[in-house]
């Protein structure tokens, strides 16, 4: 299974203004394993709940999640991973992306960061 970003990412405030909602369109190439694919994300020290990546029959999918507004601070690093699990229960990262959180006035924004292979996502404790 291989995943490629298929369009521009977007960030917006939720209807009640409490969350930043992130959408990233992706295209899944090859067949999705029988266990499916899981989206895992975090910003700064916040780690969101893993969610299933729902893939349509044409291979398109949208990584969507929400982050509490008070945690989405300028210059925080947002990391995303799509994982699969093999028959022995080992997780395999099939796609990863990093962004820097930003605000353009009162509108949330994502700035893509260069991928540094081999460098794990920053986790602040």
C-alpha atoms as a PDB file:
ATOM      1  CA  UNK A   1       0.000   0.000   0.000  1.00  0.00           C
ATOM      2  CA  UNK A   2       1.284   3.447  -0.944  1.00  0.00           C
ATOM      3  CA  UNK A   3      -0.305   6.843  -0.239  1.00  0.00           C
ATOM      4  CA  UNK A   4       0.220  10.178  -1.978  1.00  0.00           C
ATOM      5  CA  UNK A   5      -1.245  13.554  -1.124  1.00  0.00           C
ATOM      6  CA  UNK A   6      -3.865  14.409  -3.741  1.00  0.00           C
ATOM      7  CA  UNK A   7      -4.564  18.125  -3.332  1.00  0.00           C
ATOM      8  CA  UNK A   8      -4.079  20.963  -0.909  1.00  0.00           C
ATOM      9  CA  UNK A   9      -4.527  20.549   2.821  1.00  0.00           C
ATOM     10  CA  UNK A  10      -7.051  22.798   4.553  1.00  0.00           C
ATOM     11  CA  UNK A  11      -7.613  24.041   8.092  1.00  0.00           C
ATOM     12  CA  UNK A  12     -10.723  25.775   9.394  1.00  0.00           C
ATOM     13  CA  UNK A  13     -12.474  26.486  12.658  1.00  0.00           C
ATOM     14  CA  UNK A  14     -15.346  24.206  13.630  1.00  0.00           C
ATOM     15  CA  UNK A  15     -18.874  25.646  13.661  1.00  0.00           C
ATOM     16  CA  UNK A  16     -18.676  26.350  17.399  1.00  0.00           C
ATOM     17  CA  UNK A  17     -15.108  27.728  17.147  1.00  0.00           C
ATOM     18  CA  UNK A  18     -13.675  25.285  19.693  1.00  0.00           C
ATOM     19  CA  UNK A  19     -11.677  23.119  17.283  1.00  0.00           C
ATOM     20  CA  UNK A  20      -9.394  23.436  14.283  1.00  0.00           C
ATOM     21  CA  UNK A  21     -10.591  20.975  11.644  1.00  0.00           C
ATOM     22  CA  UNK A  22      -7.908  19.622   9.297  1.00  0.00           C
ATOM     23  CA  UNK A  23      -8.580  17.924   5.929  1.00  0.00           C
ATOM     24  CA  UNK A  24      -5.866  16.390   3.735  1.00  0.00           C
ATOM     25  CA  UNK A  25      -6.931  14.656   0.501  1.00  0.00           C
ATOM     26  CA  UNK A  26      -4.895  11.549  -0.309  1.00  0.00           C
ATOM     27  CA  UNK A  27      -4.841   8.845  -2.963  1.00  0.00           C
ATOM     28  CA  UNK A  28      -4.238   5.225  -1.976  1.00  0.00           C
ATOM     29  CA  UNK A  29      -2.256   3.258  -4.531  1.00  0.00           C
ATOM     30  CA  UNK A  30      -2.453  -0.536  -4.460  1.00  0.00           C
ATOM     31  CA  UNK A  31      -4.790  -2.518  -2.277  1.00  0.00           C
ATOM     32  CA  UNK A  32      -5.601  -1.598   1.301  1.00  0.00           C
ATOM     33  CA  UNK A  33      -4.673  -4.448   3.688  1.00  0.00           C
ATOM     34  CA  UNK A  34      -7.561  -6.397   5.193  1.00  0.00           C
ATOM     35  CA  UNK A  35      -7.033  -4.666   8.570  1.00  0.00           C
ATOM     36  CA  UNK A  36      -7.398  -1.254   6.929  1.00  0.00           C
ATOM     37  CA  UNK A  37      -5.277   1.803   7.560  1.00  0.00           C
ATOM     38  CA  UNK A  38      -5.116   3.975  10.671  1.00  0.00           C
ATOM     39  CA  UNK A  39      -4.525   7.728  10.868  1.00  0.00           C
ATOM     40  CA  UNK A  40      -2.465   8.902  13.844  1.00  0.00           C
ATOM     41  CA  UNK A  41      -1.721  12.573  14.539  1.00  0.00           C
ATOM     42  CA  UNK A  42      -0.390  14.957  17.137  1.00  0.00           C
ATOM     43  CA  UNK A  43       0.508  18.610  17.606  1.00  0.00           C
ATOM     44  CA  UNK A  44       3.103  19.623  20.180  1.00  0.00           C
ATOM     45  CA  UNK A  45       2.548  17.361  23.199  1.00  0.00           C
ATOM     46  CA  UNK A  46      -1.094  16.621  22.244  1.00  0.00           C
ATOM     47  CA  UNK A  47      -1.676  13.227  20.647  1.00  0.00           C
ATOM     48  CA  UNK A  48      -5.076  12.625  19.072  1.00  0.00           C
ATOM     49  CA  UNK A  49      -7.006   9.394  19.090  1.00  0.00           C
ATOM     50  CA  UNK A  50      -6.149   7.102  16.187  1.00  0.00           C
ATOM     51  CA  UNK A  51      -8.877   6.914  13.537  1.00  0.00           C
ATOM     52  CA  UNK A  52      -9.547   4.627  10.590  1.00  0.00           C
ATOM     53  CA  UNK A  53      -8.693   6.059   7.183  1.00  0.00           C
ATOM     54  CA  UNK A  54     -11.799   5.460   5.072  1.00  0.00           C
ATOM     55  CA  UNK A  55     -10.816   4.690   1.484  1.00  0.00           C
ATOM     56  CA  UNK A  56     -13.347   4.916  -1.361  1.00  0.00           C
ATOM     57  CA  UNK A  57     -13.508   2.345  -4.140  1.00  0.00           C
ATOM     58  CA  UNK A  58     -11.514   4.669  -6.453  1.00  0.00           C
ATOM     59  CA  UNK A  59      -8.668   4.847  -3.897  1.00  0.00           C
ATOM     60  CA  UNK A  60      -9.364   8.411  -2.798  1.00  0.00           C
ATOM     61  CA  UNK A  61      -9.531   9.243   0.885  1.00  0.00           C
ATOM     62  CA  UNK A  62      -9.422  12.261   3.145  1.00  0.00           C
ATOM     63  CA  UNK A  63      -7.412  12.365   6.341  1.00  0.00           C
ATOM     64  CA  UNK A  64      -9.702  14.421   8.577  1.00  0.00           C
ATOM     65  CA  UNK A  65      -9.403  15.212  12.257  1.00  0.00           C
ATOM     66  CA  UNK A  66      -9.897  18.005  14.752  1.00  0.00           C
ATOM     67  CA  UNK A  67      -7.583  19.589  17.294  1.00  0.00           C
ATOM     68  CA  UNK A  68      -8.712  21.726  20.245  1.00  0.00           C
ATOM     69  CA  UNK A  69      -8.233  25.389  19.276  1.00  0.00           C
ATOM     70  CA  UNK A  70      -6.231  26.237  22.410  1.00  0.00           C
ATOM     71  CA  UNK A  71      -3.655  23.563  21.477  1.00  0.00           C
ATOM     72  CA  UNK A  72      -3.249  24.725  17.856  1.00  0.00           C
ATOM     73  CA  UNK A  73      -0.568  27.355  18.508  1.00  0.00           C
ATOM     74  CA  UNK A  74       1.619  29.116  15.968  1.00  0.00           C
ATOM     75  CA  UNK A  75       4.921  27.346  15.274  1.00  0.00           C
ATOM     76  CA  UNK A  76       3.796  24.060  16.849  1.00  0.00           C
ATOM     77  CA  UNK A  77       4.660  20.982  14.800  1.00  0.00           C
ATOM     78  CA  UNK A  78       1.814  18.819  13.575  1.00  0.00           C
ATOM     79  CA  UNK A  79       2.738  15.263  12.596  1.00  0.00           C
ATOM     80  CA  UNK A  80       0.558  12.795  10.718  1.00  0.00           C
ATOM     81  CA  UNK A  81       1.040   9.123  10.038  1.00  0.00           C
ATOM     82  CA  UNK A  82      -0.969   6.501   8.212  1.00  0.00           C
ATOM     83  CA  UNK A  83      -0.224   3.017   9.484  1.00  0.00           C
ATOM     84  CA  UNK A  84      -1.120  -0.532   8.578  1.00  0.00           C
ATOM     85  CA  UNK A  85      -0.819  -3.593  10.795  1.00  0.00           C
ATOM     86  CA  UNK A  86       0.653  -6.816   9.452  1.00  0.00           C
ATOM     87  CA  UNK A  87      -0.446 -10.366  10.325  1.00  0.00           C
ATOM     88  CA  UNK A  88       1.956 -10.463  13.302  1.00  0.00           C
ATOM     89  CA  UNK A  89       0.504  -7.229  14.749  1.00  0.00           C
ATOM     90  CA  UNK A  90       3.443  -4.980  13.808  1.00  0.00           C
ATOM     91  CA  UNK A  91       2.619  -1.434  12.728  1.00  0.00           C
ATOM     92  CA  UNK A  92       4.089  -0.153   9.465  1.00  0.00           C
ATOM     93  CA  UNK A  93       4.108   3.553   8.619  1.00  0.00           C
ATOM     94  CA  UNK A  94       3.038   3.881   4.976  1.00  0.00           C
ATOM     95  CA  UNK A  95       2.755   7.687   4.865  1.00  0.00           C
ATOM     96  CA  UNK A  96       3.934  10.501   7.113  1.00  0.00           C
ATOM     97  CA  UNK A  97       3.749  14.268   6.818  1.00  0.00           C
ATOM     98  CA  UNK A  98       4.744  17.205   9.015  1.00  0.00           C
ATOM     99  CA  UNK A  99       3.340  20.702   9.145  1.00  0.00           C
ATOM    100  CA  UNK A 100       3.893  23.823  11.171  1.00  0.00           C
ATOM    101  CA  UNK A 101       0.744  25.308  12.709  1.00  0.00           C
ATOM    102  CA  UNK A 102       0.098  28.963  11.963  1.00  0.00           C
ATOM    103  CA  UNK A 103      -2.628  31.582  12.141  1.00  0.00           C
ATOM    104  CA  UNK A 104      -3.398  34.071   9.381  1.00  0.00           C
ATOM    105  CA  UNK A 105      -5.310  36.551  11.503  1.00  0.00           C
ATOM    106  CA  UNK A 106      -8.106  34.453  12.988  1.00  0.00           C
ATOM    107  CA  UNK A 107      -7.861  31.668  10.375  1.00  0.00           C
ATOM    108  CA  UNK A 108      -5.826  28.505  11.119  1.00  0.00           C
ATOM    109  CA  UNK A 109      -3.234  27.530   8.536  1.00  0.00           C
ATOM    110  CA  UNK A 110      -0.824  24.646   7.887  1.00  0.00           C
ATOM    111  CA  UNK A 111       2.662  25.193   6.483  1.00  0.00           C
ATOM    112  CA  UNK A 112       4.273  21.995   5.114  1.00  0.00           C
ATOM    113  CA  UNK A 113       7.679  21.139   6.562  1.00  0.00           C
ATOM    114  CA  UNK A 114      10.525  19.348   4.845  1.00  0.00           C
ATOM    115  CA  UNK A 115      10.592  15.629   5.597  1.00  0.00           C
ATOM    116  CA  UNK A 116      13.791  14.589   7.331  1.00  0.00           C
ATOM    117  CA  UNK A 117      13.943  10.862   6.804  1.00  0.00           C
ATOM    118  CA  UNK A 118      14.891   8.942   9.878  1.00  0.00           C
ATOM    119  CA  UNK A 119      13.981  11.760  12.266  1.00  0.00           C
ATOM    120  CA  UNK A 120      11.079  10.782  14.519  1.00  0.00           C
ATOM    121  CA  UNK A 121       8.244  13.257  15.160  1.00  0.00           C
ATOM    122  CA  UNK A 122       8.924  15.702  17.973  1.00  0.00           C
ATOM    123  CA  UNK A 123       7.124  14.695  21.156  1.00  0.00           C
ATOM    124  CA  UNK A 124       7.234  17.152  24.025  1.00  0.00           C
ATOM    125  CA  UNK A 125       6.583  15.832  27.513  1.00  0.00           C
END
